[in-house]
Amino acid sequence: MHLKTLSLFNYKNFAEIDFDFDSKINCFVGKNGIGKTNILDAIYHLAYGKSYFNPLAVQNIRHGEEFFVIDAEFAKQNRSEQILCSLKKGQKKILKRNGKLYEKFSDHIGFIPLVIISPADQDLIIEGSETRRKFIDSVISQLDSNYLQQLIQYQKIISQRNALLKYFALNHVFENDTLSIYNEQLNYLGQTIFEKRKEFIAAFIPIFNKHHHAITNSAEKVRLVYESSLQHHNLLQLLNDNLAKDRTLQYTSVGIHKDDLLFEIDEYPIKKFGSQGQQKSFLIALKLAQFEFVKKESGENPILLFDDIFDKLDETRVEQIIKMIDKEQFGQLFISDTHPERTENIIKSTHQTYKIFNL
């Protein structure tokens, strides 16, 4: 899988720009604020149907304009695939493959395997459990469309159950039969999702540990710990046990939508006890493990986006990553950097083909 061409129209700070890419390494260099990250985000947009950096889709339209268009040609298994994503203010976002409209964006997820490594990944450490759940779900969903559909269905039923709890409180009524229907559905879906998450984490941890050891030369003891209330009780029992609490809160307080992935260093939260360097190493190992896991499970080399990471890493860590590039462990790479000379020196050392775009 590799990206051959990319055209942006009214996307973020770009009025109109076109690119033809190398099949191995592509570098965007220039001053801060010139739009390097926006190009990487456009590529991410084509894989996931949304921005990595800005969840409000309309804010990705260039100021003063009414719409944006991202249009690209990919090569996948010796076939040409055209992917187009567009949005007009006041309308639904459109995603097309070879001119055919996707009715559901979820049908597209996984078609373009892609991993991004960015300073914005720091949110995985500093934000709440929802951000880390989304990481787990995005990796599994790229490989398992059934999982994604079950997740969407679970979230829909949670919303319906929460609306029912609010209705009970507002009208001073209670209908156990109606609530029981939602509980049964949540139990089935929640248990299935929990088992898939547990299976994923068990396979993912050894890959993560391998990459972390390589980056840090085994200097630190870190752990990933999957935390879920379903590890000790089934969801139906939890929902029944917490009914009084849920009625008071007017929302569902237990379930797989409360799961977390704990990041630890020396058995303490890395958020509080890890240095900036230790946190960066942890996150890069996490994303490289994601890359390897998706590659192994899909049989394809995901596209890899490196956003400004050479500016954030010391020489030793950069050297370890370059060794991986040189061994051709990666497929197509896109790199953003503020220093053209540094970028070219790093890339030349890989002996791979490359293109540098000065913005």
Protein backbone atom coordinates (compact mmCIF):
# COMPACT_ATOMS: atom_id res chain seq x y z
CA MET A 1 0.00 0.00 0.00
CA HIS A 2 1.32 3.43 -0.89
CA LEU A 3 0.01 6.89 -1.67
CA LYS A 4 0.84 8.08 -5.20
CA THR A 5 -0.83 11.50 -5.49
CA LEU A 6 -2.62 13.93 -3.19
CA SER A 7 -4.67 17.04 -4.00
CA LEU A 8 -5.98 19.47 -1.38
CA PHE A 9 -8.58 22.13 -2.04
CA ASN A 10 -9.58 24.59 0.73
CA TYR A 11 -8.22 22.19 3.34
CA LYS A 12 -7.04 24.03 6.47
CA ASN A 13 -4.42 26.61 5.36
CA PHE A 14 -4.16 25.34 1.75
CA ALA A 15 -6.20 26.96 -1.03
CA GLU A 16 -5.04 24.44 -3.63
CA ILE A 17 -1.96 22.19 -3.74
CA ASP A 18 -0.96 18.92 -5.44
CA PHE A 19 1.70 16.32 -4.63
CA ASP A 20 3.28 13.32 -6.38
CA PHE A 21 4.95 11.02 -3.88
CA ASP A 22 7.87 8.64 -3.69
CA SER A 23 6.91 5.09 -2.80
CA LYS A 24 9.32 5.04 0.17
CA ILE A 25 10.10 8.31 2.00
CA ASN A 26 8.47 11.74 1.65
CA CYS A 27 9.50 14.72 3.76
CA PHE A 28 7.70 18.02 4.27
CA VAL A 29 10.07 20.70 5.56
CA GLY A 30 9.56 24.34 6.43
CA LYS A 31 8.94 26.76 9.25
CA ASN A 32 6.40 26.17 12.00
CA GLY A 33 2.84 27.10 11.02
CA ILE A 34 3.35 26.61 7.30
CA GLY A 35 1.10 23.54 7.07
CA LYS A 36 3.38 20.47 7.25
CA THR A 37 1.21 18.75 9.84
CA ASN A 38 -1.94 19.66 7.88
CA ILE A 39 -0.71 17.56 4.93
CA LEU A 40 -0.15 14.57 7.21
CA ASP A 41 -3.61 15.14 8.68
CA ALA A 42 -5.15 15.13 5.19
CA ILE A 43 -3.58 11.71 4.57
CA TYR A 44 -4.90 10.50 7.94
CA HIS A 45 -8.32 11.91 6.98
CA LEU A 46 -8.42 9.65 3.92
CA ALA A 47 -7.74 6.55 6.03
CA TYR A 48 -10.10 7.25 8.93
CA GLY A 49 -12.64 9.66 7.47
CA LYS A 50 -11.76 12.29 10.08
CA SER A 51 -8.97 14.55 11.28
CA TYR A 52 -6.46 13.29 13.84
CA PHE A 53 -6.05 16.76 15.33
CA ASN A 54 -9.43 18.49 15.03
CA PRO A 55 -12.65 16.59 15.83
CA LEU A 56 -14.86 19.44 14.56
CA ALA A 57 -15.00 18.63 10.84
CA VAL A 58 -16.16 22.09 9.73
CA GLN A 59 -13.04 23.65 11.27
CA ASN A 60 -10.93 21.83 8.68
CA ILE A 61 -12.40 24.07 5.96
CA ARG A 62 -10.11 26.94 5.00
CA HIS A 63 -11.13 30.26 6.57
CA GLY A 64 -13.56 32.17 4.39
CA GLU A 65 -14.46 29.14 2.24
CA GLU A 66 -17.55 26.91 2.16
CA PHE A 67 -16.06 23.45 1.62
CA PHE A 68 -12.91 21.33 1.41
CA VAL A 69 -11.87 18.44 -0.85
CA ILE A 70 -9.10 15.88 -0.30
CA ASP A 71 -8.49 13.69 -3.35
CA ALA A 72 -5.83 10.98 -3.61
CA GLU A 73 -4.67 7.98 -5.60
CA PHE A 74 -3.33 4.93 -3.77
CA ALA A 75 -1.68 1.76 -5.06
CA LYS A 76 -3.02 -1.29 -3.22
CA GLN A 77 -2.13 -4.82 -4.29
CA ASN A 78 -1.21 -3.61 -7.80
CA ARG A 79 -4.55 -1.80 -8.17
CA SER A 80 -5.18 1.92 -8.36
CA GLU A 81 -7.64 3.19 -5.75
CA GLN A 82 -8.99 6.74 -5.73
CA ILE A 83 -10.22 8.02 -2.36
CA LEU A 84 -12.03 11.35 -2.04
CA CYS A 85 -13.20 13.06 1.13
CA SER A 86 -15.14 16.34 1.07
CA LEU A 87 -17.27 18.49 3.31
CA LYS A 88 -19.54 21.46 2.63
CA LYS A 89 -20.80 23.64 5.48
CA GLY A 90 -24.24 22.59 6.62
CA GLN A 91 -24.01 19.19 4.89
CA LYS A 92 -22.79 15.71 5.72
CA LYS A 93 -19.20 14.77 5.01
CA ILE A 94 -18.73 12.68 1.85
CA LEU A 95 -16.31 9.78 1.44
CA LYS A 96 -15.90 8.00 -1.90
CA ARG A 97 -13.83 5.12 -3.22
CA ASN A 98 -13.36 5.04 -6.99
CA GLY A 99 -16.32 7.40 -7.37
CA LYS A 100 -18.67 5.25 -5.29
CA LEU A 101 -20.13 6.86 -2.16
CA TYR A 102 -19.74 5.10 1.18
CA GLU A 103 -23.09 4.95 2.97
CA LYS A 104 -21.28 4.28 6.25
CA PHE A 105 -17.78 5.58 6.99
CA SER A 106 -17.22 2.48 9.13
CA ASP A 107 -17.20 0.39 5.91
CA HIS A 108 -14.01 2.21 4.88
CA ILE A 109 -12.05 1.77 8.13
CA GLY A 110 -9.14 -0.62 7.61
CA PHE A 111 -9.02 -0.23 3.83
CA ILE A 112 -5.99 2.09 4.15
CA PRO A 113 -3.86 0.81 7.04
CA LEU A 114 -2.14 3.83 8.57
CA VAL A 115 -0.33 4.80 11.78
CA ILE A 116 0.56 8.33 12.90
CA ILE A 117 3.26 9.27 15.42
CA SER A 118 2.84 12.85 16.61
CA PRO A 119 3.48 15.16 19.59
CA ALA A 120 -0.33 15.15 19.94
CA ASP A 121 -0.02 11.52 21.11
CA GLN A 122 0.82 13.03 24.51
CA ASP A 123 -2.97 13.15 24.99
CA LEU A 124 -2.85 9.38 25.47
CA ILE A 125 -0.96 10.01 28.71
CA ILE A 126 -2.44 13.26 30.01
CA GLU A 127 -6.11 12.85 29.03
CA GLY A 128 -8.72 10.54 30.56
CA SER A 129 -9.56 6.92 29.86
CA GLU A 130 -11.69 7.70 26.78
CA THR A 131 -8.58 8.68 24.79
CA ARG A 132 -6.86 5.38 25.58
CA ARG A 133 -10.01 3.37 24.82
CA LYS A 134 -10.15 5.07 21.44
CA PHE A 135 -6.58 3.96 20.81
CA ILE A 136 -7.47 0.32 21.55
CA ASP A 137 -10.63 0.52 19.47
CA SER A 138 -8.94 2.20 16.49
CA VAL A 139 -6.29 -0.55 16.26
CA ILE A 140 -8.78 -3.41 16.53
CA SER A 141 -11.29 -1.72 14.21
CA GLN A 142 -8.70 -1.40 11.42
CA LEU A 143 -8.52 -5.19 11.38
CA ASP A 144 -11.98 -6.33 12.47
CA SER A 145 -15.06 -4.72 10.90
CA ASN A 146 -17.38 -6.82 13.10
CA TYR A 147 -15.76 -5.34 16.20
CA LEU A 148 -16.36 -1.82 14.91
CA GLN A 149 -20.03 -2.56 14.19
CA GLN A 150 -20.48 -4.10 17.65
CA LEU A 151 -18.84 -1.05 19.22
CA ILE A 152 -21.14 1.32 17.31
CA GLN A 153 -24.16 -0.75 18.37
CA TYR A 154 -23.04 -0.83 22.02
CA GLN A 155 -22.63 2.97 22.10
CA LYS A 156 -26.07 3.39 20.53
CA ILE A 157 -27.70 1.21 23.20
CA ILE A 158 -25.82 3.04 25.98
CA SER A 159 -27.27 6.31 24.66
CA GLN A 160 -30.77 4.77 24.61
CA ARG A 161 -30.39 3.39 28.15
CA ASN A 162 -29.13 6.75 29.41
CA ALA A 163 -32.08 8.52 27.78
CA LEU A 164 -34.43 6.05 29.49
CA LEU A 165 -32.81 6.68 32.90
CA LYS A 166 -33.30 10.44 32.39
CA TYR A 167 -36.93 9.83 31.41
CA PHE A 168 -37.48 7.79 34.60
CA ALA A 169 -36.05 10.59 36.76
CA LEU A 170 -37.94 13.36 34.98
CA ASN A 171 -41.31 11.60 35.12
CA HIS A 172 -40.87 9.79 38.46
CA VAL A 173 -41.56 6.40 36.88
CA PHE A 174 -39.66 3.12 36.49
CA GLU A 175 -40.15 0.35 33.91
CA ASN A 176 -37.90 -2.59 34.71
CA ASP A 177 -38.99 -4.65 31.66
CA THR A 178 -37.84 -1.97 29.20
CA LEU A 179 -34.56 -1.48 31.04
CA SER A 180 -33.97 -5.25 31.09
CA ILE A 181 -34.07 -5.39 27.28
CA TYR A 182 -31.23 -2.85 27.09
CA ASN A 183 -29.31 -4.68 29.83
CA GLU A 184 -29.47 -7.97 27.94
CA GLN A 185 -28.26 -6.35 24.73
CA LEU A 186 -25.43 -4.53 26.51
CA ASN A 187 -24.38 -7.72 28.27
CA TYR A 188 -23.99 -9.62 25.00
CA LEU A 189 -22.19 -6.83 23.14
CA GLY A 190 -20.11 -5.74 26.14
CA GLN A 191 -18.86 -9.24 26.85
CA THR A 192 -17.92 -9.75 23.18
CA ILE A 193 -16.06 -6.42 23.01
CA PHE A 194 -14.30 -7.11 26.32
CA GLU A 195 -13.04 -10.49 25.11
CA LYS A 196 -11.68 -8.96 21.89
CA ARG A 197 -9.96 -6.15 23.78
CA LYS A 198 -8.44 -8.63 26.22
CA GLU A 199 -7.18 -10.81 23.36
CA PHE A 200 -5.72 -7.78 21.58
CA ILE A 201 -3.88 -6.48 24.66
CA ALA A 202 -2.40 -9.93 25.35
CA ALA A 203 -0.94 -10.04 21.82
CA PHE A 204 0.04 -6.36 21.82
CA ILE A 205 2.03 -6.19 25.08
CA PRO A 206 5.01 -8.36 23.93
CA ILE A 207 5.32 -6.27 20.73
CA PHE A 208 5.21 -3.06 22.74
CA ASN A 209 7.85 -4.36 25.18
CA LYS A 210 10.15 -5.31 22.29
CA HIS A 211 10.00 -1.83 20.76
CA HIS A 212 10.39 -0.09 24.10
CA HIS A 213 13.48 -2.17 24.91
CA ALA A 214 14.97 -1.33 21.51
CA ILE A 215 14.39 2.42 21.88
CA THR A 216 15.65 2.66 25.49
CA ASN A 217 18.19 -0.21 25.48
CA SER A 218 16.10 -1.86 28.23
CA ALA A 219 16.88 1.01 30.61
CA GLU A 220 13.34 1.33 32.00
CA LYS A 221 10.70 -1.02 33.35
CA VAL A 222 7.30 -0.16 31.87
CA ARG A 223 3.91 -1.85 31.74
CA LEU A 224 0.61 -1.72 29.89
CA VAL A 225 -2.31 -2.84 32.06
CA TYR A 226 -5.82 -3.37 30.71
CA GLU A 227 -8.38 -2.39 33.35
CA SER A 228 -12.03 -3.45 33.05
CA SER A 229 -14.81 -4.17 35.54
CA LEU A 230 -15.72 -7.16 33.35
CA GLN A 231 -12.58 -8.97 34.45
CA HIS A 232 -14.35 -9.90 37.68
CA HIS A 233 -18.09 -9.85 36.89
CA ASN A 234 -20.33 -10.18 33.86
CA LEU A 235 -21.95 -6.97 32.67
CA LEU A 236 -25.52 -8.06 33.42
CA GLN A 237 -24.65 -8.53 37.10
CA LEU A 238 -22.82 -5.18 37.18
CA LEU A 239 -25.80 -3.37 35.62
CA ASN A 240 -28.19 -4.92 38.16
CA ASP A 241 -25.86 -4.22 41.10
CA ASN A 242 -25.48 -0.56 40.06
CA LEU A 243 -29.11 0.13 39.18
CA ALA A 244 -29.75 2.46 42.13
CA LYS A 245 -26.57 4.40 41.36
CA ASP A 246 -27.44 4.66 37.65
CA ARG A 247 -30.94 5.94 38.44
CA THR A 248 -29.46 8.62 40.68
CA LEU A 249 -26.77 9.63 38.17
CA GLN A 250 -29.15 9.23 35.19
CA TYR A 251 -26.49 7.48 33.12
CA THR A 252 -24.87 4.04 32.85
CA SER A 253 -21.92 3.98 35.25
CA VAL A 254 -20.52 0.50 34.46
CA GLY A 255 -19.54 -1.31 31.28
CA ILE A 256 -16.80 -1.51 28.68
CA HIS A 257 -17.27 2.22 27.99
CA LYS A 258 -15.42 2.74 31.30
CA ASP A 259 -12.41 0.51 30.50
CA ASP A 260 -8.89 1.94 30.65
CA LEU A 261 -5.36 1.10 29.52
CA LEU A 262 -2.92 2.03 32.29
CA PHE A 263 0.56 3.26 31.36
CA GLU A 264 3.10 2.48 34.09
CA ILE A 265 6.80 3.01 34.73
CA ASP A 266 8.33 1.13 37.68
CA GLU A 267 4.72 0.21 38.61
CA TYR A 268 3.68 3.88 38.95
CA PRO A 269 1.59 5.99 36.52
CA ILE A 270 3.89 7.35 33.83
CA LYS A 271 1.75 10.52 33.77
CA LYS A 272 3.01 11.46 37.25
CA PHE A 273 6.33 9.63 37.55
CA GLY A 274 7.75 9.57 34.00
CA SER A 275 10.07 12.27 32.67
CA GLN A 276 9.31 13.92 29.32
CA GLY A 277 11.91 11.71 27.65
CA GLN A 278 10.47 8.56 29.24
CA GLN A 279 6.96 9.52 28.17
CA LYS A 280 8.12 10.16 24.57
CA SER A 281 9.87 6.77 24.43
CA PHE A 282 6.76 5.09 25.81
CA LEU A 283 4.46 6.69 23.21
CA ILE A 284 6.76 5.98 20.25
CA ALA A 285 7.07 2.34 21.36
CA LEU A 286 3.26 2.22 21.61
CA LYS A 287 2.80 3.52 18.07
CA LEU A 288 5.57 1.36 16.57
CA ALA A 289 3.89 -1.62 18.23
CA GLN A 290 0.62 -0.54 16.62
CA PHE A 291 2.39 -0.43 13.26
CA GLU A 292 3.84 -3.94 13.68
CA PHE A 293 0.58 -5.39 14.98
CA VAL A 294 -1.46 -4.01 12.06
CA LYS A 295 1.21 -5.12 9.59
CA LYS A 296 1.25 -8.65 11.02
CA GLU A 297 -2.52 -9.05 11.18
CA SER A 298 -3.37 -7.39 7.84
CA GLY A 299 -0.42 -8.68 5.82
CA GLU A 300 0.14 -5.12 4.55
CA ASN A 301 2.69 -2.44 5.38
CA PRO A 302 0.69 0.46 6.87
CA ILE A 303 1.50 3.98 5.73
CA LEU A 304 3.46 5.65 8.54
CA LEU A 305 3.23 9.35 9.36
CA PHE A 306 6.03 10.90 11.47
CA ASP A 307 4.90 14.34 12.63
CA ASP A 308 7.79 16.49 13.90
CA ILE A 309 9.36 13.64 15.89
CA PHE A 310 13.01 14.25 14.95
CA ASP A 311 12.70 17.59 16.73
CA LYS A 312 11.47 15.85 19.88
CA LEU A 313 13.96 12.97 20.16
CA ASP A 314 17.56 12.68 21.17
CA GLU A 315 20.17 11.34 18.74
CA THR A 316 20.12 7.78 20.14
CA ARG A 317 16.36 7.37 19.67
CA VAL A 318 16.50 8.83 16.16
CA GLU A 319 19.31 6.40 15.30
CA GLN A 320 17.22 3.42 16.45
CA ILE A 321 14.30 4.52 14.23
CA ILE A 322 16.59 5.09 11.23
CA LYS A 323 17.97 1.56 11.63
CA MET A 324 14.40 0.25 11.38
CA ILE A 325 13.81 2.31 8.22
CA ASP A 326 17.03 1.04 6.67
CA LYS A 327 16.09 -2.58 7.36
CA GLU A 328 12.92 -1.92 5.33
CA GLN A 329 10.70 -2.78 8.26
CA PHE A 330 8.47 0.10 7.15
CA GLY A 331 6.64 0.68 3.90
CA GLN A 332 5.90 4.26 2.82
CA LEU A 333 6.85 7.05 5.22
CA PHE A 334 5.75 10.68 5.47
CA ILE A 335 7.86 12.93 7.68
CA SER A 336 7.44 16.55 8.75
CA ASP A 337 10.39 18.55 10.08
CA THR A 338 11.48 22.17 10.55
CA HIS A 339 15.12 21.61 9.50
CA PRO A 340 15.68 20.70 5.80
CA GLU A 341 19.38 19.85 6.20
CA ARG A 342 18.85 17.66 9.24
CA THR A 343 16.02 15.82 7.50
CA GLU A 344 18.03 15.18 4.35
CA ASN A 345 21.07 13.96 6.32
CA ILE A 346 18.91 11.56 8.31
CA ILE A 347 17.09 10.25 5.22
CA LYS A 348 20.25 9.89 3.12
CA SER A 349 21.67 7.54 5.73
CA THR A 350 18.85 5.06 5.04
CA HIS A 351 19.83 4.37 1.40
CA GLN A 352 16.12 4.48 0.49
CA THR A 353 14.53 6.55 -2.29
CA TYR A 354 13.01 9.82 -1.10
CA LYS A 355 11.45 13.16 -1.98
CA ILE A 356 11.72 16.41 -0.05
CA PHE A 357 8.97 19.04 -0.31
CA ASN A 358 10.01 22.52 0.80
CA LEU A 359 6.90 24.39 1.91
